[in-house]
Amino acid sequence: SKGVKTNKAAADKFAANVLPIIAPMRADGASLRKIADALNARRI
């Protein structure tokens, strides 16, 4: 249970860090694949 909570907290923290990059691209209509390619191009 502690492991699950720790993993969830780490995943939530990571998502909070990358969401400001992903959300505007998605709002502009970029596909999930294009967003993934952009993140890879930025070496994130």
Full PDB file with SEQRES, HELIX, SHEET, SSBOND, CRYST1, ORIGX, SCALE, CONECT and MASTER records, all heavy atoms in Angstrom:
SEQRES   1 A   44  SER LYS GLY VAL LYS THR ASN LYS ALA ALA ALA ASP LYS          
SEQRES   2 A   44  PHE ALA ALA ASN VAL LEU PRO ILE ILE ALA PRO MET ARG          
SEQRES   3 A   44  ALA ASP GLY ALA SER LEU ARG LYS ILE ALA ASP ALA LEU          
SEQRES   4 A   44  ASN ALA ARG ARG ILE                                          
HELIX    1 AA1 LYS A    2  ALA A   27  1                                  26    
HELIX    2 AA2 LEU A   32  ALA A   41  1                                  10    
CRYST1    1.000    1.000    1.000  90.00  90.00  90.00 P 1           1          
ORIGX1      1.000000  0.000000  0.000000        0.00000                         
ORIGX2      0.000000  1.000000  0.000000        0.00000                         
ORIGX3      0.000000  0.000000  1.000000        0.00000                         
SCALE1      1.000000  0.000000  0.000000        0.00000                         
SCALE2      0.000000  1.000000  0.000000        0.00000                         
SCALE3      0.000000  0.000000  1.000000        0.00000                         
ATOM      1  N   SER A   1       0.829  -1.202   0.000  1.00  0.00           N  
ATOM      2  CA  SER A   1       0.000   0.000   0.000  1.00  0.00           C  
ATOM      3  C   SER A   1       0.868   1.258   0.000  1.00  0.00           C  
ATOM      4  O   SER A   1       0.614   2.201  -0.749  1.00  0.00           O  
ATOM      5  CB  SER A   1      -0.921  -0.011   1.220  1.00  0.00           C  
ATOM      6  OG  SER A   1      -1.647   1.185   1.300  1.00  0.00           O  
ATOM      7  N   LYS A   2       1.916   1.244   0.824  1.00  0.00           N  
ATOM      8  CA  LYS A   2       2.833   2.390   0.855  1.00  0.00           C  
ATOM      9  C   LYS A   2       3.530   2.549  -0.489  1.00  0.00           C  
ATOM     10  O   LYS A   2       3.731   3.670  -0.966  1.00  0.00           O  
ATOM     11  CB  LYS A   2       3.872   2.214   1.965  1.00  0.00           C  
ATOM     12  CG  LYS A   2       3.352   2.495   3.346  1.00  0.00           C  
ATOM     13  CD  LYS A   2       4.440   2.340   4.390  1.00  0.00           C  
ATOM     14  CE  LYS A   2       3.890   2.577   5.779  1.00  0.00           C  
ATOM     15  NZ  LYS A   2       4.911   2.349   6.810  1.00  0.00           N  
ATOM     16  N   GLY A   3       3.916   1.435  -1.091  1.00  0.00           N  
ATOM     17  CA  GLY A   3       4.576   1.477  -2.397  1.00  0.00           C  
ATOM     18  C   GLY A   3       3.668   2.065  -3.461  1.00  0.00           C  
ATOM     19  O   GLY A   3       4.091   2.888  -4.282  1.00  0.00           O  
ATOM     20  N   VAL A   4       2.399   1.664  -3.439  1.00  0.00           N  
ATOM     21  CA  VAL A   4       1.425   2.183  -4.406  1.00  0.00           C  
ATOM     22  C   VAL A   4       1.253   3.689  -4.205  1.00  0.00           C  
ATOM     23  O   VAL A   4       1.241   4.466  -5.171  1.00  0.00           O  
ATOM     24  CB  VAL A   4       0.067   1.444  -4.279  1.00  0.00           C  
ATOM     25  CG1 VAL A   4      -1.031   2.165  -5.039  1.00  0.00           C  
ATOM     26  CG2 VAL A   4       0.206   0.021  -4.775  1.00  0.00           C  
ATOM     27  N   LYS A   5       1.141   4.114  -2.946  1.00  0.00           N  
ATOM     28  CA  LYS A   5       0.979   5.548  -2.654  1.00  0.00           C  
ATOM     29  C   LYS A   5       2.207   6.334  -3.105  1.00  0.00           C  
ATOM     30  O   LYS A   5       2.085   7.425  -3.676  1.00  0.00           O  
ATOM     31  CB  LYS A   5       0.733   5.764  -1.156  1.00  0.00           C  
ATOM     32  CG  LYS A   5      -0.647   5.359  -0.705  1.00  0.00           C  
ATOM     33  CD  LYS A   5      -0.807   5.542   0.783  1.00  0.00           C  
ATOM     34  CE  LYS A   5      -2.159   5.015   1.237  1.00  0.00           C  
ATOM     35  NZ  LYS A   5      -2.293   5.034   2.699  1.00  0.00           N  
ATOM     36  N   THR A   6       3.386   5.790  -2.845  1.00  0.00           N  
ATOM     37  CA  THR A   6       4.637   6.458  -3.242  1.00  0.00           C  
ATOM     38  C   THR A   6       4.727   6.580  -4.755  1.00  0.00           C  
ATOM     39  O   THR A   6       5.064   7.640  -5.289  1.00  0.00           O  
ATOM     40  CB  THR A   6       5.856   5.690  -2.700  1.00  0.00           C  
ATOM     41  OG1 THR A   6       5.760   5.620  -1.282  1.00  0.00           O  
ATOM     42  CG2 THR A   6       7.159   6.343  -3.087  1.00  0.00           C  
ATOM     43  N   ASN A   7       4.394   5.487  -5.457  1.00  0.00           N  
ATOM     44  CA  ASN A   7       4.421   5.509  -6.927  1.00  0.00           C  
ATOM     45  C   ASN A   7       3.406   6.507  -7.490  1.00  0.00           C  
ATOM     46  O   ASN A   7       3.697   7.228  -8.438  1.00  0.00           O  
ATOM     47  CB  ASN A   7       4.165   4.119  -7.499  1.00  0.00           C  
ATOM     48  CG  ASN A   7       5.332   3.187  -7.279  1.00  0.00           C  
ATOM     49  OD1 ASN A   7       6.439   3.616  -6.977  1.00  0.00           O  
ATOM     50  ND2 ASN A   7       5.089   1.897  -7.428  1.00  0.00           N  
ATOM     51  N   LYS A   8       2.219   6.527  -6.894  1.00  0.00           N  
ATOM     52  CA  LYS A   8       1.171   7.449  -7.350  1.00  0.00           C  
ATOM     53  C   LYS A   8       1.609   8.890  -7.134  1.00  0.00           C  
ATOM     54  O   LYS A   8       1.436   9.747  -8.014  1.00  0.00           O  
ATOM     55  CB  LYS A   8      -0.148   7.171  -6.625  1.00  0.00           C  
ATOM     56  CG  LYS A   8      -1.296   8.041  -7.144  1.00  0.00           C  
ATOM     57  CD  LYS A   8      -2.563   7.782  -6.375  1.00  0.00           C  
ATOM     58  CE  LYS A   8      -3.729   8.600  -6.857  1.00  0.00           C  
ATOM     59  NZ  LYS A   8      -3.476   9.964  -7.215  1.00  0.00           N  
ATOM     60  N   ALA A   9       2.206   9.173  -5.976  1.00  0.00           N  
ATOM     61  CA  ALA A   9       2.663  10.537  -5.689  1.00  0.00           C  
ATOM     62  C   ALA A   9       3.750  10.959  -6.677  1.00  0.00           C  
ATOM     63  O   ALA A   9       3.744  12.102  -7.172  1.00  0.00           O  
ATOM     64  CB  ALA A   9       3.185  10.629  -4.258  1.00  0.00           C  
ATOM     65  N   ALA A  10       4.665  10.047  -6.988  1.00  0.00           N  
ATOM     66  CA  ALA A  10       5.734  10.359  -7.945  1.00  0.00           C  
ATOM     67  C   ALA A  10       5.154  10.594  -9.335  1.00  0.00           C  
ATOM     68  O   ALA A  10       5.570  11.525 -10.047  1.00  0.00           O  
ATOM     69  CB  ALA A  10       6.767   9.234  -7.972  1.00  0.00           C  
ATOM     70  N   ALA A  11       4.175   9.765  -9.727  1.00  0.00           N  
ATOM     71  CA  ALA A  11       3.544   9.918 -11.039  1.00  0.00           C  
ATOM     72  C   ALA A  11       2.763  11.229 -11.113  1.00  0.00           C  
ATOM     73  O   ALA A  11       2.804  11.930 -12.134  1.00  0.00           O  
ATOM     74  CB  ALA A  11       2.629   8.738 -11.328  1.00  0.00           C  
ATOM     75  N   ASP A  12       2.070  11.580 -10.024  1.00  0.00           N  
ATOM     76  CA  ASP A  12       1.320  12.842  -9.990  1.00  0.00           C  
ATOM     77  C   ASP A  12       2.271  14.033 -10.099  1.00  0.00           C  
ATOM     78  O   ASP A  12       1.993  14.999 -10.820  1.00  0.00           O  
ATOM     79  CB  ASP A  12       0.495  12.955  -8.704  1.00  0.00           C  
ATOM     80  CG  ASP A  12      -0.708  12.022  -8.687  1.00  0.00           C  
ATOM     81  OD1 ASP A  12      -1.095  11.525  -9.774  1.00  0.00           O  
ATOM     82  OD2 ASP A  12      -1.253  11.783  -7.594  1.00  0.00           O  
ATOM     83  N   LYS A  13       3.389  13.963  -9.420  1.00  0.00           N  
ATOM     84  CA  LYS A  13       4.375  15.045  -9.445  1.00  0.00           C  
ATOM     85  C   LYS A  13       4.964  15.190 -10.853  1.00  0.00           C  
ATOM     86  O   LYS A  13       5.095  16.309 -11.373  1.00  0.00           O  
ATOM     87  CB  LYS A  13       5.482  14.769  -8.434  1.00  0.00           C  
ATOM     88  CG  LYS A  13       6.505  15.860  -8.331  1.00  0.00           C  
ATOM     89  CD  LYS A  13       7.539  15.551  -7.263  1.00  0.00           C  
ATOM     90  CE  LYS A  13       8.577  16.666  -7.215  1.00  0.00           C  
ATOM     91  NZ  LYS A  13       9.619  16.384  -6.229  1.00  0.00           N  
ATOM     92  N   PHE A  14       5.285  14.049 -11.473  1.00  0.00           N  
ATOM     93  CA  PHE A  14       5.836  14.095 -12.831  1.00  0.00           C  
ATOM     94  C   PHE A  14       4.811  14.692 -13.794  1.00  0.00           C  
ATOM     95  O   PHE A  14       5.142  15.537 -14.630  1.00  0.00           O  
ATOM     96  CB  PHE A  14       6.256  12.696 -13.288  1.00  0.00           C  
ATOM     97  CG  PHE A  14       6.815  12.678 -14.672  1.00  0.00           C  
ATOM     98  CD1 PHE A  14       8.126  13.068 -14.912  1.00  0.00           C  
ATOM     99  CD2 PHE A  14       6.029  12.296 -15.758  1.00  0.00           C  
ATOM    100  CE1 PHE A  14       8.639  13.080 -16.207  1.00  0.00           C  
ATOM    101  CE2 PHE A  14       6.534  12.299 -17.044  1.00  0.00           C  
ATOM    102  CZ  PHE A  14       7.853  12.693 -17.267  1.00  0.00           C  
ATOM    103  N   ALA A  15       3.555  14.222 -13.675  1.00  0.00           N  
ATOM    104  CA  ALA A  15       2.499  14.734 -14.555  1.00  0.00           C  
ATOM    105  C   ALA A  15       2.323  16.234 -14.375  1.00  0.00           C  
ATOM    106  O   ALA A  15       2.152  16.975 -15.362  1.00  0.00           O  
ATOM    107  CB  ALA A  15       1.190  14.010 -14.272  1.00  0.00           C  
ATOM    108  N   ALA A  16       2.383  16.711 -13.141  1.00  0.00           N  
ATOM    109  CA  ALA A  16       2.239  18.143 -12.879  1.00  0.00           C  
ATOM    110  C   ALA A  16       3.377  18.934 -13.524  1.00  0.00           C  
ATOM    111  O   ALA A  16       3.171  20.070 -13.961  1.00  0.00           O  
ATOM    112  CB  ALA A  16       2.202  18.405 -11.371  1.00  0.00           C  
ATOM    113  N   ASN A  17       4.560  18.354 -13.609  1.00  0.00           N  
ATOM    114  CA  ASN A  17       5.712  19.034 -14.216  1.00  0.00           C  
ATOM    115  C   ASN A  17       5.622  19.107 -15.738  1.00  0.00           C  
ATOM    116  O   ASN A  17       6.064  20.092 -16.334  1.00  0.00           O  
ATOM    117  CB  ASN A  17       7.020  18.343 -13.822  1.00  0.00           C  
ATOM    118  CG  ASN A  17       7.399  18.618 -12.382  1.00  0.00           C  
ATOM    119  OD1 ASN A  17       6.986  19.611 -11.797  1.00  0.00           O  
ATOM    120  ND2 ASN A  17       8.178  17.731 -11.796  1.00  0.00           N  
ATOM    121  N   VAL A  18       5.095  18.060 -16.393  1.00  0.00           N  
ATOM    122  CA  VAL A  18       5.058  18.058 -17.862  1.00  0.00           C  
ATOM    123  C   VAL A  18       3.726  18.558 -18.427  1.00  0.00           C  
ATOM    124  O   VAL A  18       3.661  18.919 -19.603  1.00  0.00           O  
ATOM    125  CB  VAL A  18       5.392  16.659 -18.453  1.00  0.00           C  
ATOM    126  CG1 VAL A  18       6.816  16.269 -18.149  1.00  0.00           C  
ATOM    127  CG2 VAL A  18       4.411  15.610 -18.029  1.00  0.00           C  
ATOM    128  N   LEU A  19       2.703  18.611 -17.605  1.00  0.00           N  
ATOM    129  CA  LEU A  19       1.392  19.061 -18.088  1.00  0.00           C  
ATOM    130  C   LEU A  19       1.423  20.487 -18.664  1.00  0.00           C  
ATOM    131  O   LEU A  19       0.788  20.728 -19.697  1.00  0.00           O  
ATOM    132  CB  LEU A  19       0.338  18.946 -16.978  1.00  0.00           C  
ATOM    133  CG  LEU A  19      -1.103  19.163 -17.431  1.00  0.00           C  
ATOM    134  CD1 LEU A  19      -1.493  18.120 -18.488  1.00  0.00           C  
ATOM    135  CD2 LEU A  19      -2.050  19.098 -16.256  1.00  0.00           C  
ATOM    136  N   PRO A  20       2.160  21.422 -18.055  1.00  0.00           N  
ATOM    137  CA  PRO A  20       2.208  22.766 -18.643  1.00  0.00           C  
ATOM    138  C   PRO A  20       2.805  22.790 -20.062  1.00  0.00           C  
ATOM    139  O   PRO A  20       2.545  23.729 -20.824  1.00  0.00           O  
ATOM    140  CB  PRO A  20       3.105  23.556 -17.678  1.00  0.00           C  
ATOM    141  CG  PRO A  20       2.973  22.845 -16.375  1.00  0.00           C  
ATOM    142  CD  PRO A  20       2.811  21.396 -16.744  1.00  0.00           C  
ATOM    143  N   ILE A  21       3.558  21.764 -20.424  1.00  0.00           N  
ATOM    144  CA  ILE A  21       4.106  21.672 -21.778  1.00  0.00           C  
ATOM    145  C   ILE A  21       3.090  21.001 -22.707  1.00  0.00           C  
ATOM    146  O   ILE A  21       2.888  21.430 -23.844  1.00  0.00           O  
ATOM    147  CB  ILE A  21       5.433  20.864 -21.768  1.00  0.00           C  
ATOM    148  CG1 ILE A  21       6.452  21.538 -20.855  1.00  0.00           C  
ATOM    149  CG2 ILE A  21       5.992  20.700 -23.178  1.00  0.00           C  
ATOM    150  CD1 ILE A  21       7.655  20.674 -20.540  1.00  0.00           C  
ATOM    151  N   ILE A  22       2.435  19.963 -22.191  1.00  0.00           N  
ATOM    152  CA  ILE A  22       1.512  19.160 -23.010  1.00  0.00           C  
ATOM    153  C   ILE A  22       0.176  19.875 -23.249  1.00  0.00           C  
ATOM    154  O   ILE A  22      -0.345  19.882 -24.373  1.00  0.00           O  
ATOM    155  CB  ILE A  22       1.271  17.783 -22.344  1.00  0.00           C  
ATOM    156  CG1 ILE A  22       2.568  16.974 -22.346  1.00  0.00           C  
ATOM    157  CG2 ILE A  22       0.154  17.018 -23.040  1.00  0.00           C  
ATOM    158  CD1 ILE A  22       2.485  15.669 -21.569  1.00  0.00           C  
ATOM    159  N   ALA A  23      -0.395  20.485 -22.207  1.00  0.00           N  
ATOM    160  CA  ALA A  23      -1.744  21.067 -22.285  1.00  0.00           C  
ATOM    161  C   ALA A  23      -1.892  22.116 -23.392  1.00  0.00           C  
ATOM    162  O   ALA A  23      -2.872  22.062 -24.166  1.00  0.00           O  
ATOM    163  CB  ALA A  23      -2.147  21.646 -20.934  1.00  0.00           C  
ATOM    164  N   PRO A  24      -0.944  23.072 -23.546  1.00  0.00           N  
ATOM    165  CA  PRO A  24      -1.122  24.061 -24.631  1.00  0.00           C  
ATOM    166  C   PRO A  24      -1.071  23.424 -26.023  1.00  0.00           C  
ATOM    167  O   PRO A  24      -1.821  23.844 -26.923  1.00  0.00           O  
ATOM    168  CB  PRO A  24       0.065  25.025 -24.442  1.00  0.00           C  
ATOM    169  CG  PRO A  24       0.520  24.832 -23.044  1.00  0.00           C  
ATOM    170  CD  PRO A  24       0.186  23.425 -22.695  1.00  0.00           C  
ATOM    171  N   MET A  25      -0.216  22.405 -26.211  1.00  0.00           N  
ATOM    172  CA  MET A  25      -0.145  21.734 -27.509  1.00  0.00           C  
ATOM    173  C   MET A  25      -1.466  21.043 -27.819  1.00  0.00           C  
ATOM    174  O   MET A  25      -1.958  21.092 -28.945  1.00  0.00           O  
ATOM    175  CB  MET A  25       1.020  20.720 -27.539  1.00  0.00           C  
ATOM    176  CG  MET A  25       2.392  21.365 -27.597  1.00  0.00           C  
ATOM    177  SD  MET A  25       3.711  20.176 -27.913  1.00  0.00           S  
ATOM    178  CE  MET A  25       4.139  19.655 -26.264  1.00  0.00           C  
ATOM    179  N   ARG A  26      -2.032  20.402 -26.805  1.00  0.00           N  
ATOM    180  CA  ARG A  26      -3.305  19.700 -26.992  1.00  0.00           C  
ATOM    181  C   ARG A  26      -4.415  20.703 -27.268  1.00  0.00           C  
ATOM    182  O   ARG A  26      -5.290  20.454 -28.110  1.00  0.00           O  
ATOM    183  CB  ARG A  26      -3.622  18.845 -25.752  1.00  0.00           C  
ATOM    184  CG  ARG A  26      -4.797  17.932 -25.911  1.00  0.00           C  
ATOM    185  CD  ARG A  26      -4.545  16.877 -26.957  1.00  0.00           C  
ATOM    186  NE  ARG A  26      -5.641  15.924 -26.948  1.00  0.00           N  
ATOM    187  CZ  ARG A  26      -5.894  15.078 -27.904  1.00  0.00           C  
ATOM    188  NH1 ARG A  26      -5.091  15.029 -28.962  1.00  0.00           N  
ATOM    189  NH2 ARG A  26      -6.898  14.261 -27.838  1.00  0.00           N  
ATOM    190  N   ALA A  27      -4.379  21.858 -26.560  1.00  0.00           N  
ATOM    191  CA  ALA A  27      -5.393  22.902 -26.762  1.00  0.00           C  
ATOM    192  C   ALA A  27      -5.328  23.470 -28.183  1.00  0.00           C  
ATOM    193  O   ALA A  27      -6.355  23.879 -28.741  1.00  0.00           O  
ATOM    194  CB  ALA A  27      -5.208  24.020 -25.738  1.00  0.00           C  
ATOM    195  N   ASP A  28      -4.137  23.454 -28.774  1.00  0.00           N  
ATOM    196  CA  ASP A  28      -3.967  23.929 -30.155  1.00  0.00           C  
ATOM    197  C   ASP A  28      -4.359  22.864 -31.179  1.00  0.00           C  
ATOM    198  O   ASP A  28      -4.215  23.090 -32.387  1.00  0.00           O  
ATOM    199  CB  ASP A  28      -2.513  24.366 -30.398  1.00  0.00           C  
ATOM    200  CG  ASP A  28      -2.170  25.655 -29.685  1.00  0.00           C  
ATOM    201  OD1 ASP A  28      -3.108  26.395 -29.308  1.00  0.00           O  
ATOM    202  OD2 ASP A  28      -0.968  25.917 -29.496  1.00  0.00           O  
ATOM    203  N   GLY A  29      -4.809  21.685 -30.710  1.00  0.00           N  
ATOM    204  CA  GLY A  29      -5.292  20.643 -31.609  1.00  0.00           C  
ATOM    205  C   GLY A  29      -4.260  19.609 -32.020  1.00  0.00           C  
ATOM    206  O   GLY A  29      -4.519  18.778 -32.898  1.00  0.00           O  
ATOM    207  N   ALA A  30      -3.088  19.613 -31.390  1.00  0.00           N  
ATOM    208  CA  ALA A  30      -2.055  18.632 -31.730  1.00  0.00           C  
ATOM    209  C   ALA A  30      -2.514  17.236 -31.305  1.00  0.00           C  
ATOM    210  O   ALA A  30      -3.136  17.054 -30.254  1.00  0.00           O  
ATOM    211  CB  ALA A  30      -0.741  18.991 -31.057  1.00  0.00           C  
ATOM    212  N   SER A  31      -2.206  16.262 -32.135  1.00  0.00           N  
ATOM    213  CA  SER A  31      -2.553  14.868 -31.790  1.00  0.00           C  
ATOM    214  C   SER A  31      -1.610  14.365 -30.697  1.00  0.00           C  
ATOM    215  O   SER A  31      -0.546  14.954 -30.436  1.00  0.00           O  
ATOM    216  CB  SER A  31      -2.420  13.979 -33.035  1.00  0.00           C  
ATOM    217  OG  SER A  31      -1.053  13.838 -33.393  1.00  0.00           O  
ATOM    218  N   LEU A  32      -2.006  13.276 -30.067  1.00  0.00           N  
ATOM    219  CA  LEU A  32      -1.164  12.677 -29.031  1.00  0.00           C  
ATOM    220  C   LEU A  32       0.200  12.295 -29.606  1.00  0.00           C  
ATOM    221  O   LEU A  32       1.234  12.463 -28.951  1.00  0.00           O  
ATOM    222  CB  LEU A  32      -1.863  11.455 -28.415  1.00  0.00           C  
ATOM    223  CG  LEU A  32      -3.197  11.727 -27.707  1.00  0.00           C  
ATOM    224  CD1 LEU A  32      -3.828  10.418 -27.246  1.00  0.00           C  
ATOM    225  CD2 LEU A  32      -3.021  12.690 -26.543  1.00  0.00           C  
ATOM    226  N   ARG A  33       0.214  11.779 -30.828  1.00  0.00           N  
ATOM    227  CA  ARG A  33       1.458  11.372 -31.478  1.00  0.00           C  
ATOM    228  C   ARG A  33       2.383  12.571 -31.714  1.00  0.00           C  
ATOM    229  O   ARG A  33       3.575  12.514 -31.485  1.00  0.00           O  
ATOM    230  CB  ARG A  33       1.122  10.680 -32.818  1.00  0.00           C  
ATOM    231  CG  ARG A  33       2.289  10.250 -33.653  1.00  0.00           C  
ATOM    232  CD  ARG A  33       2.988   9.029 -33.083  1.00  0.00           C  
ATOM    233  NE  ARG A  33       4.288   9.428 -32.571  1.00  0.00           N  
ATOM    234  CZ  ARG A  33       4.981   8.794 -31.661  1.00  0.00           C  
ATOM    235  NH1 ARG A  33       4.516   7.708 -31.112  1.00  0.00           N  
ATOM    236  NH2 ARG A  33       6.138   9.224 -31.260  1.00  0.00           N  
ATOM    237  N   LYS A  34       1.771  13.724 -32.175  1.00  0.00           N  
ATOM    238  CA  LYS A  34       2.566  14.937 -32.426  1.00  0.00           C  
ATOM    239  C   LYS A  34       3.143  15.474 -31.122  1.00  0.00           C  
ATOM    240  O   LYS A  34       4.279  15.951 -31.081  1.00  0.00           O  
ATOM    241  CB  LYS A  34       1.712  16.001 -33.118  1.00  0.00           C  
ATOM    242  CG  LYS A  34       1.571  15.775 -34.585  1.00  0.00           C  
ATOM    243  CD  LYS A  34       1.095  17.036 -35.248  1.00  0.00           C  
ATOM    244  CE  LYS A  34       1.038  16.764 -36.725  1.00  0.00           C  
ATOM    245  NZ  LYS A  34       1.482  17.841 -37.524  1.00  0.00           N  
ATOM    246  N   ILE A  35       2.359  15.397 -30.051  1.00  0.00           N  
ATOM    247  CA  ILE A  35       2.846  15.866 -28.743  1.00  0.00           C  
ATOM    248  C   ILE A  35       4.014  14.991 -28.290  1.00  0.00           C  
ATOM    249  O   ILE A  35       5.032  15.500 -27.813  1.00  0.00           O  
ATOM    250  CB  ILE A  35       1.704  15.885 -27.701  1.00  0.00           C  
ATOM    251  CG1 ILE A  35       0.634  16.903 -28.091  1.00  0.00           C  
ATOM    252  CG2 ILE A  35       2.250  16.188 -26.305  1.00  0.00           C  
ATOM    253  CD1 ILE A  35      -0.635  16.848 -27.248  1.00  0.00           C  
ATOM    254  N   ALA A  36       3.866  13.683 -28.457  1.00  0.00           N  
ATOM    255  CA  ALA A  36       4.946  12.763 -28.079  1.00  0.00           C  
ATOM    256  C   ALA A  36       6.210  13.072 -28.875  1.00  0.00           C  
ATOM    257  O   ALA A  36       7.318  13.120 -28.317  1.00  0.00           O  
ATOM    258  CB  ALA A  36       4.515  11.318 -28.298  1.00  0.00           C  
ATOM    259  N   ASP A  37       6.064  13.308 -30.173  1.00  0.00           N  
ATOM    260  CA  ASP A  37       7.219  13.641 -31.025  1.00  0.00           C  
ATOM    261  C   ASP A  37       7.869  14.949 -30.574  1.00  0.00           C  
ATOM    262  O   ASP A  37       9.101  15.065 -30.552  1.00  0.00           O  
ATOM    263  CB  ASP A  37       6.790  13.752 -32.495  1.00  0.00           C  
ATOM    264  CG  ASP A  37       6.426  12.389 -33.101  1.00  0.00           C  
ATOM    265  OD1 ASP A  37       6.815  11.354 -32.524  1.00  0.00           O  
ATOM    266  OD2 ASP A  37       5.731  12.375 -34.156  1.00  0.00           O  
ATOM    267  N   ALA A  38       7.046  15.939 -30.208  1.00  0.00           N  
ATOM    268  CA  ALA A  38       7.579  17.224 -29.749  1.00  0.00           C  
ATOM    269  C   ALA A  38       8.358  17.061 -28.439  1.00  0.00           C  
ATOM    270  O   ALA A  38       9.428  17.660 -28.268  1.00  0.00           O  
ATOM    271  CB  ALA A  38       6.444  18.237 -29.584  1.00  0.00           C  
ATOM    272  N   LEU A  39       7.825  16.256 -27.533  1.00  0.00           N  
ATOM    273  CA  LEU A  39       8.524  16.008 -26.258  1.00  0.00           C  
ATOM    274  C   LEU A  39       9.854  15.298 -26.504  1.00  0.00           C  
ATOM    275  O   LEU A  39      10.872  15.620 -25.874  1.00  0.00           O  
ATOM    276  CB  LEU A  39       7.642  15.187 -25.305  1.00  0.00           C  
ATOM    277  CG  LEU A  39       6.389  15.900 -24.778  1.00  0.00           C  
ATOM    278  CD1 LEU A  39       5.479  14.916 -24.055  1.00  0.00           C  
ATOM    279  CD2 LEU A  39       6.779  17.046 -23.844  1.00  0.00           C  
ATOM    280  N   ASN A  40       9.844  14.329 -27.407  1.00  0.00           N  
ATOM    281  CA  ASN A  40      11.084  13.617 -27.745  1.00  0.00           C  
ATOM    282  C   ASN A  40      12.088  14.558 -28.414  1.00  0.00           C  
ATOM    283  O   ASN A  40      13.295  14.486 -28.159  1.00  0.00           O  
ATOM    284  CB  ASN A  40      10.789  12.412 -28.643  1.00  0.00           C  
ATOM    285  CG  ASN A  40      10.085  11.302 -27.869  1.00  0.00           C  
ATOM    286  OD1 ASN A  40      10.309  11.133 -26.672  1.00  0.00           O  
ATOM    287  ND2 ASN A  40       9.231  10.570 -28.551  1.00  0.00           N  
ATOM    288  N   ALA A  41      11.595  15.468 -29.287  1.00  0.00           N  
ATOM    289  CA  ALA A  41      12.474  16.427 -29.968  1.00  0.00           C  
ATOM    290  C   ALA A  41      13.118  17.374 -28.959  1.00  0.00           C  
ATOM    291  O   ALA A  41      14.274  17.781 -29.125  1.00  0.00           O  
ATOM    292  CB  ALA A  41      11.690  17.219 -31.016  1.00  0.00           C  
ATOM    293  N   ARG A  42      12.393  17.703 -27.902  1.00  0.00           N  
ATOM    294  CA  ARG A  42      12.926  18.588 -26.859  1.00  0.00           C  
ATOM    295  C   ARG A  42      13.808  17.816 -25.860  1.00  0.00           C  
ATOM    296  O   ARG A  42      14.303  18.398 -24.918  1.00  0.00           O  
ATOM    297  CB  ARG A  42      11.782  19.240 -26.083  1.00  0.00           C  
ATOM    298  CG  ARG A  42      11.018  20.266 -26.845  1.00  0.00           C  
ATOM    299  CD  ARG A  42       9.998  20.884 -25.909  1.00  0.00           C  
ATOM    300  NE  ARG A  42       9.174  21.854 -26.582  1.00  0.00           N  
ATOM    301  CZ  ARG A  42       8.239  22.562 -25.957  1.00  0.00           C  
ATOM    302  NH1 ARG A  42       8.028  22.402 -24.666  1.00  0.00           N  
ATOM    303  NH2 ARG A  42       7.521  23.433 -26.626  1.00  0.00           N  
ATOM    304  N   ARG A  43      13.920  16.507 -26.070  1.00  0.00           N  
ATOM    305  CA  ARG A  43      14.705  15.622 -25.189  1.00  0.00           C  
ATOM    306  C   ARG A  43      14.186  15.628 -23.744  1.00  0.00           C  
ATOM    307  O   ARG A  43      14.954  15.600 -22.792  1.00  0.00           O  
ATOM    308  CB  ARG A  43      16.187  15.984 -25.219  1.00  0.00           C  
ATOM    309  CG  ARG A  43      16.811  15.815 -26.576  1.00  0.00           C  
ATOM    310  CD  ARG A  43      18.312  16.008 -26.496  1.00  0.00           C  
ATOM    311  NE  ARG A  43      18.913  16.089 -27.810  1.00  0.00           N  
ATOM    312  CZ  ARG A  43      19.243  15.052 -28.570  1.00  0.00           C  
ATOM    313  NH1 ARG A  43      19.020  13.840 -28.142  1.00  0.00           N  
ATOM    314  NH2 ARG A  43      19.802  15.238 -29.744  1.00  0.00           N  
ATOM    315  N   ILE A  44      12.880  15.670 -23.633  1.00  0.00           N  
ATOM    316  CA  ILE A  44      12.242  15.555 -22.312  1.00  0.00           C  
ATOM    317  C   ILE A  44      11.948  14.077 -22.097  1.00  0.00           C  
ATOM    318  O   ILE A  44      11.160  13.488 -22.846  1.00  0.00           O  
ATOM    319  CB  ILE A  44      10.931  16.382 -22.256  1.00  0.00           C  
ATOM    320  CG1 ILE A  44      11.244  17.866 -22.479  1.00  0.00           C  
ATOM    321  CG2 ILE A  44      10.213  16.157 -20.931  1.00  0.00           C  
ATOM    322  CD1 ILE A  44      10.016  18.746 -22.636  1.00  0.00           C  
TER     323      ILE A  44                                                      
MASTER        0    0    0    2    0    0    0    6  322    1    0    4          
END                                                                             
